[in-house]
Amino acid sequence: YNADTFDVEDYAVYATNFSTSGDSNALEWTKIFSAKAAYGLPSLSSESLRALTHRMKADDELLHEYYRHSKADSTRLPPCTTSACLDKVLCTQTWFSTVLQYRECLDEQSAERIGIPHWLHPFPRISWMWSLVLWAAVIVVVAVVVGVVHRALKRSSYQTIPGPKEFEP
């Protein structure tokens, strides 16, 4: 860290294997990664970390790497291969004031991953499935209104003259 500004400039994660240390009290520590080097960050400022989050949103490999690093590259680490797991990892990168905001993030990430456009998910406090149901209801209501208006405009104020039933010259 910078002693003058107290800013964290970088961090590193170290690991050791307790089972190979044997009877000696000395542990052999190995550097796993440095944050700036692993993620290509110029600094650990808020702007750099926000940019990292946006890069992780677009790059699943980077997100996997972050997940592995967050668990110190443990061999006992369960793989994070599902969309739900990746969404959780990504949403933990953002500060939320409430659990509801975190759940909204998960809903939005899930909707984006399956290709639902952002404009189709305008109801942030409900899941994307209910958002689709609401949109379907809106479309049905609009279709009914258009049908009623079309029938009303199709009517004419003119009287139609019935044609002759039989015509004899």
N, C-alpha and C. Protein backbone atom coordinates (compact mmCIF):
# COMPACT_ATOMS: atom_id res chain seq x y z
N TYR A 1 0.84 -1.17 0.00
CA TYR A 1 0.00 0.00 0.00
C TYR A 1 0.89 1.24 0.00
N ASN A 2 0.28 2.35 -0.35
CA ASN A 2 0.99 3.63 -0.35
C ASN A 2 0.86 4.22 1.05
N ALA A 3 2.00 4.41 1.71
CA ALA A 3 1.99 4.89 3.09
C ALA A 3 1.50 6.32 3.20
N ASP A 4 1.61 7.09 2.13
CA ASP A 4 1.16 8.49 2.18
C ASP A 4 -0.35 8.61 1.97
N THR A 5 -0.88 7.85 1.02
CA THR A 5 -2.31 7.96 0.69
C THR A 5 -3.15 6.83 1.30
N PHE A 6 -2.48 5.79 1.79
CA PHE A 6 -3.12 4.60 2.34
C PHE A 6 -3.91 3.82 1.29
N ASP A 7 -3.63 4.06 0.01
CA ASP A 7 -4.28 3.31 -1.07
C ASP A 7 -3.61 1.95 -1.23
N VAL A 8 -4.41 0.92 -1.43
CA VAL A 8 -3.86 -0.40 -1.74
C VAL A 8 -3.40 -0.35 -3.19
N GLU A 9 -2.14 -0.66 -3.43
CA GLU A 9 -1.59 -0.58 -4.79
C GLU A 9 -1.60 -1.93 -5.50
N ASP A 10 -1.53 -3.02 -4.75
CA ASP A 10 -1.58 -4.36 -5.33
C ASP A 10 -1.76 -5.34 -4.17
N TYR A 11 -2.15 -6.55 -4.51
CA TYR A 11 -2.17 -7.59 -3.50
C TYR A 11 -1.77 -8.89 -4.15
N ALA A 12 -1.26 -9.80 -3.35
CA ALA A 12 -0.84 -11.10 -3.84
C ALA A 12 -1.43 -12.17 -2.93
N VAL A 13 -1.66 -13.34 -3.51
CA VAL A 13 -2.19 -14.47 -2.75
C VAL A 13 -1.11 -15.55 -2.73
N TYR A 14 -0.83 -16.05 -1.55
CA TYR A 14 0.15 -17.11 -1.36
C TYR A 14 -0.56 -18.34 -0.82
N ALA A 15 0.03 -19.50 -1.08
CA ALA A 15 -0.54 -20.76 -0.60
C ALA A 15 0.57 -21.70 -0.17
N THR A 16 0.20 -22.64 0.65
CA THR A 16 1.15 -23.68 1.07
C THR A 16 0.40 -25.00 1.16
N ASN A 17 1.16 -26.07 1.16
CA ASN A 17 0.59 -27.40 1.26
C ASN A 17 1.00 -27.96 2.62
N PHE A 18 0.05 -28.06 3.52
CA PHE A 18 0.36 -28.53 4.87
C PHE A 18 0.76 -30.00 4.89
N SER A 19 0.25 -30.79 3.97
CA SER A 19 0.54 -32.22 3.99
C SER A 19 1.97 -32.52 3.56
N THR A 20 2.62 -31.64 2.84
CA THR A 20 4.00 -31.89 2.41
C THR A 20 5.03 -31.27 3.34
N SER A 21 4.59 -30.56 4.36
CA SER A 21 5.55 -29.91 5.26
C SER A 21 6.23 -30.91 6.18
N GLY A 22 5.66 -32.08 6.32
CA GLY A 22 6.27 -33.12 7.15
C GLY A 22 6.35 -32.72 8.60
N ASP A 23 7.41 -33.14 9.25
CA ASP A 23 7.58 -32.85 10.67
C ASP A 23 8.21 -31.49 10.92
N SER A 24 8.74 -30.88 9.87
CA SER A 24 9.40 -29.59 10.08
C SER A 24 8.35 -28.50 10.31
N ASN A 25 8.76 -27.50 11.03
CA ASN A 25 7.86 -26.38 11.31
C ASN A 25 7.87 -25.37 10.18
N ALA A 26 8.78 -25.51 9.25
CA ALA A 26 8.89 -24.55 8.15
C ALA A 26 7.91 -24.92 7.04
N LEU A 27 7.14 -23.95 6.63
CA LEU A 27 6.21 -24.15 5.53
C LEU A 27 6.76 -23.45 4.30
N GLU A 28 6.55 -24.06 3.16
CA GLU A 28 7.01 -23.45 1.91
C GLU A 28 5.82 -22.75 1.26
N TRP A 29 5.88 -21.43 1.21
CA TRP A 29 4.80 -20.62 0.65
C TRP A 29 5.09 -20.33 -0.81
N THR A 30 4.06 -20.44 -1.64
CA THR A 30 4.18 -20.18 -3.07
C THR A 30 3.21 -19.07 -3.46
N LYS A 31 3.72 -18.14 -4.24
CA LYS A 31 2.86 -17.04 -4.71
C LYS A 31 1.94 -17.59 -5.80
N ILE A 32 0.65 -17.43 -5.60
CA ILE A 32 -0.34 -17.90 -6.58
C ILE A 32 -0.54 -16.86 -7.67
N PHE A 33 -0.78 -15.63 -7.28
CA PHE A 33 -0.96 -14.57 -8.27
C PHE A 33 -0.86 -13.21 -7.62
N SER A 34 -0.65 -12.21 -8.46
CA SER A 34 -0.71 -10.80 -8.07
C SER A 34 -1.90 -10.22 -8.81
N ALA A 35 -2.71 -9.44 -8.15
CA ALA A 35 -3.94 -8.92 -8.75
C ALA A 35 -3.67 -8.08 -10.00
N LYS A 36 -2.74 -7.15 -9.90
CA LYS A 36 -2.47 -6.27 -11.05
C LYS A 36 -1.96 -7.08 -12.25
N ALA A 37 -1.07 -8.03 -11.99
CA ALA A 37 -0.52 -8.83 -13.09
C ALA A 37 -1.55 -9.80 -13.66
N ALA A 38 -2.32 -10.45 -12.80
CA ALA A 38 -3.28 -11.46 -13.26
C ALA A 38 -4.39 -10.86 -14.10
N TYR A 39 -4.83 -9.66 -13.74
CA TYR A 39 -5.98 -9.06 -14.43
C TYR A 39 -5.60 -7.89 -15.32
N GLY A 40 -4.31 -7.60 -15.44
CA GLY A 40 -3.87 -6.50 -16.30
C GLY A 40 -4.37 -5.15 -15.84
N LEU A 41 -4.31 -4.90 -14.54
CA LEU A 41 -4.84 -3.65 -13.99
C LEU A 41 -3.72 -2.62 -13.82
N PRO A 42 -3.98 -1.37 -14.18
CA PRO A 42 -2.99 -0.32 -13.94
C PRO A 42 -2.91 0.03 -12.45
N SER A 43 -4.02 -0.14 -11.74
CA SER A 43 -4.07 0.14 -10.30
C SER A 43 -5.26 -0.61 -9.72
N LEU A 44 -5.44 -0.48 -8.43
CA LEU A 44 -6.62 -1.08 -7.79
C LEU A 44 -7.64 -0.01 -7.42
N SER A 45 -7.68 1.05 -8.21
CA SER A 45 -8.63 2.12 -7.98
C SER A 45 -10.04 1.64 -8.30
N SER A 46 -11.02 2.39 -7.85
CA SER A 46 -12.42 2.04 -8.12
C SER A 46 -12.67 1.95 -9.62
N GLU A 47 -12.10 2.88 -10.38
CA GLU A 47 -12.30 2.88 -11.84
C GLU A 47 -11.72 1.62 -12.47
N SER A 48 -10.51 1.22 -12.04
CA SER A 48 -9.89 0.02 -12.60
C SER A 48 -10.68 -1.23 -12.25
N LEU A 49 -11.15 -1.31 -11.02
CA LEU A 49 -11.93 -2.48 -10.61
C LEU A 49 -13.28 -2.52 -11.31
N ARG A 50 -13.88 -1.36 -11.55
CA ARG A 50 -15.14 -1.31 -12.29
C ARG A 50 -14.91 -1.77 -13.74
N ALA A 51 -13.80 -1.33 -14.33
CA ALA A 51 -13.47 -1.76 -15.70
C ALA A 51 -13.23 -3.27 -15.73
N LEU A 52 -12.60 -3.81 -14.69
CA LEU A 52 -12.38 -5.25 -14.61
C LEU A 52 -13.72 -5.99 -14.58
N THR A 53 -14.67 -5.49 -13.82
CA THR A 53 -15.99 -6.11 -13.75
C THR A 53 -16.66 -6.11 -15.12
N HIS A 54 -16.54 -5.02 -15.86
CA HIS A 54 -17.12 -4.96 -17.21
C HIS A 54 -16.41 -5.94 -18.14
N ARG A 55 -15.10 -6.08 -18.00
CA ARG A 55 -14.37 -7.06 -18.82
C ARG A 55 -14.80 -8.48 -18.47
N MET A 56 -15.01 -8.76 -17.18
CA MET A 56 -15.45 -10.09 -16.77
C MET A 56 -16.85 -10.39 -17.31
N LYS A 57 -17.68 -9.37 -17.42
CA LYS A 57 -19.04 -9.55 -17.95
C LYS A 57 -19.00 -10.03 -19.39
N ALA A 58 -17.98 -9.60 -20.13
CA ALA A 58 -17.88 -9.96 -21.54
C ALA A 58 -16.98 -11.17 -21.79
N ASP A 59 -16.23 -11.61 -20.78
CA ASP A 59 -15.22 -12.66 -20.98
C ASP A 59 -15.35 -13.72 -19.89
N ASP A 60 -15.98 -14.86 -20.23
CA ASP A 60 -16.18 -15.92 -19.25
C ASP A 60 -14.86 -16.52 -18.77
N GLU A 61 -13.84 -16.55 -19.63
CA GLU A 61 -12.54 -17.08 -19.22
C GLU A 61 -11.95 -16.24 -18.09
N LEU A 62 -12.03 -14.93 -18.22
CA LEU A 62 -11.55 -14.03 -17.17
C LEU A 62 -12.37 -14.22 -15.90
N LEU A 63 -13.65 -14.44 -16.05
CA LEU A 63 -14.52 -14.69 -14.90
C LEU A 63 -14.15 -16.00 -14.20
N HIS A 64 -13.85 -17.04 -14.99
CA HIS A 64 -13.39 -18.32 -14.43
C HIS A 64 -12.08 -18.13 -13.68
N GLU A 65 -11.17 -17.36 -14.27
CA GLU A 65 -9.88 -17.11 -13.63
C GLU A 65 -10.08 -16.39 -12.30
N TYR A 66 -10.94 -15.39 -12.29
CA TYR A 66 -11.23 -14.68 -11.04
C TYR A 66 -11.80 -15.64 -10.00
N TYR A 67 -12.72 -16.48 -10.42
CA TYR A 67 -13.33 -17.45 -9.50
C TYR A 67 -12.26 -18.36 -8.89
N ARG A 68 -11.37 -18.89 -9.74
CA ARG A 68 -10.29 -19.76 -9.25
C ARG A 68 -9.41 -19.00 -8.26
N HIS A 69 -9.05 -17.77 -8.61
CA HIS A 69 -8.20 -16.97 -7.73
C HIS A 69 -8.90 -16.63 -6.42
N SER A 70 -10.21 -16.42 -6.47
CA SER A 70 -10.93 -16.07 -5.24
C SER A 70 -10.93 -17.23 -4.25
N LYS A 71 -10.66 -18.42 -4.74
CA LYS A 71 -10.59 -19.61 -3.88
C LYS A 71 -9.16 -20.12 -3.77
N ALA A 72 -8.18 -19.25 -4.09
CA ALA A 72 -6.75 -19.56 -3.99
C ALA A 72 -6.36 -20.79 -4.81
N ASP A 73 -6.98 -20.96 -5.97
CA ASP A 73 -6.69 -22.08 -6.87
C ASP A 73 -6.75 -23.44 -6.18
N SER A 74 -7.68 -23.61 -5.29
CA SER A 74 -7.82 -24.85 -4.55
C SER A 74 -8.16 -26.00 -5.50
N THR A 75 -7.52 -27.14 -5.27
CA THR A 75 -7.84 -28.33 -6.07
C THR A 75 -9.18 -28.93 -5.64
N ARG A 76 -9.65 -28.54 -4.48
CA ARG A 76 -10.94 -29.04 -3.99
C ARG A 76 -12.10 -28.14 -4.41
N LEU A 77 -11.79 -27.16 -5.19
CA LEU A 77 -12.78 -26.18 -5.63
C LEU A 77 -13.77 -26.80 -6.60
N PRO A 78 -15.07 -26.69 -6.33
CA PRO A 78 -16.03 -27.20 -7.32
C PRO A 78 -16.00 -26.29 -8.55
N PRO A 79 -16.13 -26.87 -9.72
CA PRO A 79 -16.08 -26.04 -10.93
C PRO A 79 -17.28 -25.10 -11.03
N CYS A 80 -17.01 -23.94 -11.55
CA CYS A 80 -18.07 -22.94 -11.75
C CYS A 80 -18.35 -22.89 -13.25
N THR A 81 -19.17 -23.81 -13.72
CA THR A 81 -19.40 -23.91 -15.16
C THR A 81 -20.82 -23.53 -15.57
N THR A 82 -21.71 -23.45 -14.61
CA THR A 82 -23.10 -23.11 -14.96
C THR A 82 -23.28 -21.60 -15.06
N SER A 83 -24.27 -21.21 -15.79
CA SER A 83 -24.58 -19.78 -15.91
C SER A 83 -24.94 -19.18 -14.56
N ALA A 84 -25.67 -19.94 -13.75
CA ALA A 84 -26.06 -19.43 -12.43
C ALA A 84 -24.84 -19.15 -11.56
N CYS A 85 -23.86 -20.04 -11.60
CA CYS A 85 -22.64 -19.84 -10.81
C CYS A 85 -21.87 -18.63 -11.32
N LEU A 86 -21.70 -18.52 -12.64
CA LEU A 86 -20.98 -17.39 -13.21
C LEU A 86 -21.68 -16.07 -12.89
N ASP A 87 -23.01 -16.07 -12.93
CA ASP A 87 -23.76 -14.86 -12.60
C ASP A 87 -23.52 -14.45 -11.14
N LYS A 88 -23.48 -15.43 -10.24
CA LYS A 88 -23.21 -15.12 -8.83
C LYS A 88 -21.83 -14.52 -8.66
N VAL A 89 -20.84 -15.10 -9.33
CA VAL A 89 -19.47 -14.58 -9.23
C VAL A 89 -19.43 -13.14 -9.74
N LEU A 90 -20.07 -12.89 -10.87
CA LEU A 90 -20.06 -11.54 -11.44
C LEU A 90 -20.81 -10.55 -10.55
N CYS A 91 -21.95 -10.94 -10.04
CA CYS A 91 -22.74 -10.01 -9.22
C CYS A 91 -22.08 -9.71 -7.88
N THR A 92 -21.19 -10.58 -7.41
CA THR A 92 -20.49 -10.28 -6.16
C THR A 92 -19.44 -9.19 -6.36
N GLN A 93 -19.18 -8.79 -7.59
CA GLN A 93 -18.20 -7.74 -7.86
C GLN A 93 -18.78 -6.34 -7.70
N THR A 94 -20.06 -6.24 -7.49
CA THR A 94 -20.74 -4.95 -7.39
C THR A 94 -21.26 -4.77 -5.97
N TRP A 95 -21.20 -3.56 -5.48
CA TRP A 95 -21.69 -3.26 -4.14
C TRP A 95 -23.21 -3.08 -4.18
N PHE A 96 -23.90 -3.78 -3.30
CA PHE A 96 -25.35 -3.66 -3.19
C PHE A 96 -25.69 -3.30 -1.75
N SER A 97 -26.71 -2.49 -1.59
CA SER A 97 -27.15 -2.10 -0.25
C SER A 97 -28.12 -3.11 0.35
N THR A 98 -28.81 -3.85 -0.52
CA THR A 98 -29.80 -4.81 -0.03
C THR A 98 -29.66 -6.13 -0.77
N VAL A 99 -30.22 -7.16 -0.18
CA VAL A 99 -30.24 -8.48 -0.83
C VAL A 99 -31.08 -8.41 -2.11
N LEU A 100 -32.14 -7.61 -2.09
CA LEU A 100 -33.00 -7.47 -3.26
C LEU A 100 -32.21 -6.95 -4.46
N GLN A 101 -31.32 -6.00 -4.24
CA GLN A 101 -30.50 -5.47 -5.34
C GLN A 101 -29.59 -6.56 -5.91
N TYR A 102 -29.05 -7.39 -5.04
CA TYR A 102 -28.21 -8.51 -5.49
C TYR A 102 -29.04 -9.48 -6.33
N ARG A 103 -30.25 -9.79 -5.88
CA ARG A 103 -31.13 -10.69 -6.64
C ARG A 103 -31.52 -10.09 -7.99
N GLU A 104 -31.72 -8.78 -8.02
CA GLU A 104 -32.02 -8.11 -9.29
C GLU A 104 -30.84 -8.27 -10.25
N CYS A 105 -29.63 -8.15 -9.72
CA CYS A 105 -28.44 -8.34 -10.55
C CYS A 105 -28.43 -9.75 -11.13
N LEU A 106 -28.71 -10.75 -10.30
CA LEU A 106 -28.75 -12.13 -10.78
C LEU A 106 -29.80 -12.30 -11.87
N ASP A 107 -30.99 -11.71 -11.67
CA ASP A 107 -32.05 -11.79 -12.68
C ASP A 107 -31.61 -11.15 -13.99
N GLU A 108 -30.99 -9.98 -13.91
CA GLU A 108 -30.55 -9.27 -15.12
C GLU A 108 -29.47 -10.06 -15.85
N GLN A 109 -28.51 -10.63 -15.10
CA GLN A 109 -27.45 -11.41 -15.73
C GLN A 109 -28.03 -12.65 -16.41
N SER A 110 -28.96 -13.30 -15.73
CA SER A 110 -29.61 -14.48 -16.30
C SER A 110 -30.34 -14.13 -17.59
N ALA A 111 -31.06 -13.02 -17.58
CA ALA A 111 -31.79 -12.59 -18.78
C ALA A 111 -30.83 -12.27 -19.91
N GLU A 112 -29.72 -11.60 -19.61
CA GLU A 112 -28.75 -11.27 -20.64
C GLU A 112 -28.11 -12.51 -21.23
N ARG A 113 -27.78 -13.49 -20.37
CA ARG A 113 -27.10 -14.70 -20.85
C ARG A 113 -27.98 -15.50 -21.81
N ILE A 114 -29.30 -15.48 -21.59
CA ILE A 114 -30.17 -16.25 -22.49
C ILE A 114 -30.69 -15.41 -23.65
N GLY A 115 -30.22 -14.17 -23.73
CA GLY A 115 -30.52 -13.35 -24.90
C GLY A 115 -31.74 -12.47 -24.81
N ILE A 116 -32.26 -12.24 -23.63
CA ILE A 116 -33.40 -11.34 -23.50
C ILE A 116 -32.88 -9.92 -23.49
N PRO A 117 -33.30 -9.08 -24.43
CA PRO A 117 -32.80 -7.70 -24.48
C PRO A 117 -33.16 -6.92 -23.22
N HIS A 118 -32.34 -5.93 -22.91
CA HIS A 118 -32.54 -5.13 -21.70
C HIS A 118 -33.90 -4.43 -21.72
N TRP A 119 -34.34 -3.95 -22.89
CA TRP A 119 -35.62 -3.23 -22.97
C TRP A 119 -36.80 -4.15 -22.70
N LEU A 120 -36.60 -5.47 -22.85
CA LEU A 120 -37.67 -6.42 -22.59
C LEU A 120 -37.74 -6.80 -21.11
N HIS A 121 -36.79 -6.30 -20.34
CA HIS A 121 -36.75 -6.62 -18.92
C HIS A 121 -36.85 -5.33 -18.10
N PRO A 122 -37.96 -4.59 -18.27
CA PRO A 122 -38.06 -3.28 -17.61
C PRO A 122 -38.56 -3.33 -16.17
N PHE A 123 -38.92 -4.50 -15.70
CA PHE A 123 -39.47 -4.60 -14.35
C PHE A 123 -38.39 -5.14 -13.43
N PRO A 124 -37.57 -4.28 -12.81
CA PRO A 124 -36.38 -4.75 -12.11
C PRO A 124 -36.63 -5.55 -10.84
N ARG A 125 -37.79 -5.46 -10.25
CA ARG A 125 -38.00 -6.16 -8.98
C ARG A 125 -38.64 -7.53 -9.15
N ILE A 126 -38.80 -7.97 -10.38
CA ILE A 126 -39.37 -9.28 -10.60
C ILE A 126 -38.46 -10.06 -11.53
N SER A 127 -38.62 -11.34 -11.55
CA SER A 127 -37.75 -12.16 -12.39
C SER A 127 -38.09 -11.97 -13.86
N TRP A 128 -37.16 -12.37 -14.71
CA TRP A 128 -37.35 -12.19 -16.15
C TRP A 128 -38.54 -13.00 -16.64
N MET A 129 -38.85 -14.13 -16.00
CA MET A 129 -39.98 -14.94 -16.45
C MET A 129 -41.29 -14.16 -16.27
N TRP A 130 -41.44 -13.51 -15.11
CA TRP A 130 -42.64 -12.73 -14.88
C TRP A 130 -42.66 -11.50 -15.77
N SER A 131 -41.50 -11.00 -16.10
CA SER A 131 -41.42 -9.88 -17.03
C SER A 131 -41.98 -10.29 -18.39
N LEU A 132 -41.63 -11.50 -18.84
CA LEU A 132 -42.17 -12.00 -20.12
C LEU A 132 -43.68 -12.19 -20.05
N VAL A 133 -44.17 -12.69 -18.93
CA VAL A 133 -45.62 -12.87 -18.76
C VAL A 133 -46.33 -11.51 -18.82
N LEU A 134 -45.76 -10.51 -18.16
CA LEU A 134 -46.37 -9.17 -18.20
C LEU A 134 -46.34 -8.60 -19.61
N TRP A 135 -45.22 -8.79 -20.31
CA TRP A 135 -45.15 -8.30 -21.70
C TRP A 135 -46.20 -9.01 -22.56
N ALA A 136 -46.39 -10.31 -22.37
CA ALA A 136 -47.40 -11.04 -23.14
C ALA A 136 -48.79 -10.48 -22.86
N ALA A 137 -49.07 -10.17 -21.60
CA ALA A 137 -50.37 -9.59 -21.24
C ALA A 137 -50.55 -8.22 -21.90
N VAL A 138 -49.51 -7.42 -21.91
CA VAL A 138 -49.57 -6.10 -22.55
C VAL A 138 -49.85 -6.26 -24.04
N ILE A 139 -49.19 -7.21 -24.68
CA ILE A 139 -49.39 -7.44 -26.12
C ILE A 139 -50.83 -7.88 -26.40
N VAL A 140 -51.39 -8.76 -25.57
CA VAL A 140 -52.77 -9.21 -25.75
C VAL A 140 -53.73 -8.03 -25.60
N VAL A 141 -53.54 -7.21 -24.59
CA VAL A 141 -54.42 -6.05 -24.38
C VAL A 141 -54.34 -5.10 -25.57
N VAL A 142 -53.14 -4.83 -26.05
CA VAL A 142 -52.98 -3.94 -27.21
C VAL A 142 -53.66 -4.54 -28.43
N ALA A 143 -53.52 -5.84 -28.64
CA ALA A 143 -54.15 -6.49 -29.80
C ALA A 143 -55.68 -6.38 -29.71
N VAL A 144 -56.24 -6.56 -28.54
CA VAL A 144 -57.69 -6.45 -28.37
C VAL A 144 -58.14 -5.02 -28.64
N VAL A 145 -57.43 -4.04 -28.11
CA VAL A 145 -57.79 -2.64 -28.33
C VAL A 145 -57.71 -2.29 -29.81
N VAL A 146 -56.66 -2.74 -30.48
CA VAL A 146 -56.52 -2.47 -31.92
C VAL A 146 -57.68 -3.12 -32.68
N GLY A 147 -58.07 -4.34 -32.31
CA GLY A 147 -59.19 -5.01 -32.97
C GLY A 147 -60.49 -4.26 -32.78
N VAL A 148 -60.76 -3.79 -31.58
CA VAL A 148 -61.99 -3.04 -31.30
C VAL A 148 -62.00 -1.74 -32.09
N VAL A 149 -60.89 -1.02 -32.09
CA VAL A 149 -60.81 0.24 -32.83
C VAL A 149 -60.97 -0.01 -34.33
N HIS A 150 -60.36 -1.06 -34.82
CA HIS A 150 -60.46 -1.39 -36.25
C HIS A 150 -61.91 -1.67 -36.64
N ARG A 151 -62.62 -2.45 -35.83
CA ARG A 151 -64.03 -2.74 -36.12
C ARG A 151 -64.88 -1.48 -36.05
N ALA A 152 -64.58 -0.61 -35.09
CA ALA A 152 -65.35 0.63 -34.96
C ALA A 152 -65.13 1.55 -36.16
N LEU A 153 -63.91 1.61 -36.63
CA LEU A 153 -63.62 2.46 -37.78
C LEU A 153 -64.11 1.86 -39.09
N LYS A 154 -64.27 0.56 -39.11
CA LYS A 154 -64.71 -0.13 -40.32
C LYS A 154 -66.20 0.13 -40.57
N ARG A 155 -66.95 0.38 -39.53
CA ARG A 155 -68.38 0.67 -39.68
C ARG A 155 -68.54 2.00 -40.40
N SER A 156 -69.56 2.07 -41.19
CA SER A 156 -69.80 3.29 -41.95
C SER A 156 -71.13 3.89 -41.54
N SER A 157 -71.26 5.18 -41.68
CA SER A 157 -72.53 5.83 -41.38
C SER A 157 -73.47 5.78 -42.59
N TYR A 158 -72.98 5.31 -43.71
CA TYR A 158 -73.82 5.20 -44.91
C TYR A 158 -74.62 3.91 -44.86
N GLN A 159 -75.83 4.00 -45.43
CA GLN A 159 -76.67 2.82 -45.51
C GLN A 159 -76.28 2.04 -46.76
N THR A 160 -76.18 0.78 -46.61
CA THR A 160 -75.93 -0.03 -47.79
C THR A 160 -77.26 -0.37 -48.43
N ILE A 161 -77.28 -0.29 -49.73
CA ILE A 161 -78.51 -0.59 -50.47
C ILE A 161 -78.47 -2.05 -50.85
N PRO A 162 -79.47 -2.77 -50.40
CA PRO A 162 -79.46 -4.18 -50.76
C PRO A 162 -79.69 -4.33 -52.26
N GLY A 163 -79.00 -5.23 -52.83
CA GLY A 163 -79.13 -5.47 -54.26
C GLY A 163 -80.43 -6.18 -54.57
N PRO A 164 -80.85 -6.14 -55.83
CA PRO A 164 -82.10 -6.80 -56.20
C PRO A 164 -81.98 -8.30 -56.03
N LYS A 165 -83.07 -8.86 -55.56
CA LYS A 165 -83.06 -10.29 -55.37
C LYS A 165 -83.33 -11.00 -56.69
N GLU A 166 -84.22 -10.42 -57.44
CA GLU A 166 -84.51 -10.98 -58.76
C GLU A 166 -84.59 -9.83 -59.73
N PHE A 167 -84.02 -10.02 -60.83
CA PHE A 167 -84.03 -8.96 -61.83
C PHE A 167 -84.62 -9.50 -63.12
N GLU A 168 -85.72 -8.89 -63.53
CA GLU A 168 -86.34 -9.31 -64.78
C GLU A 168 -86.40 -8.12 -65.70
N PRO A 169 -85.90 -8.25 -66.87
CA PRO A 169 -85.97 -7.11 -67.81
C PRO A 169 -87.31 -6.88 -68.43
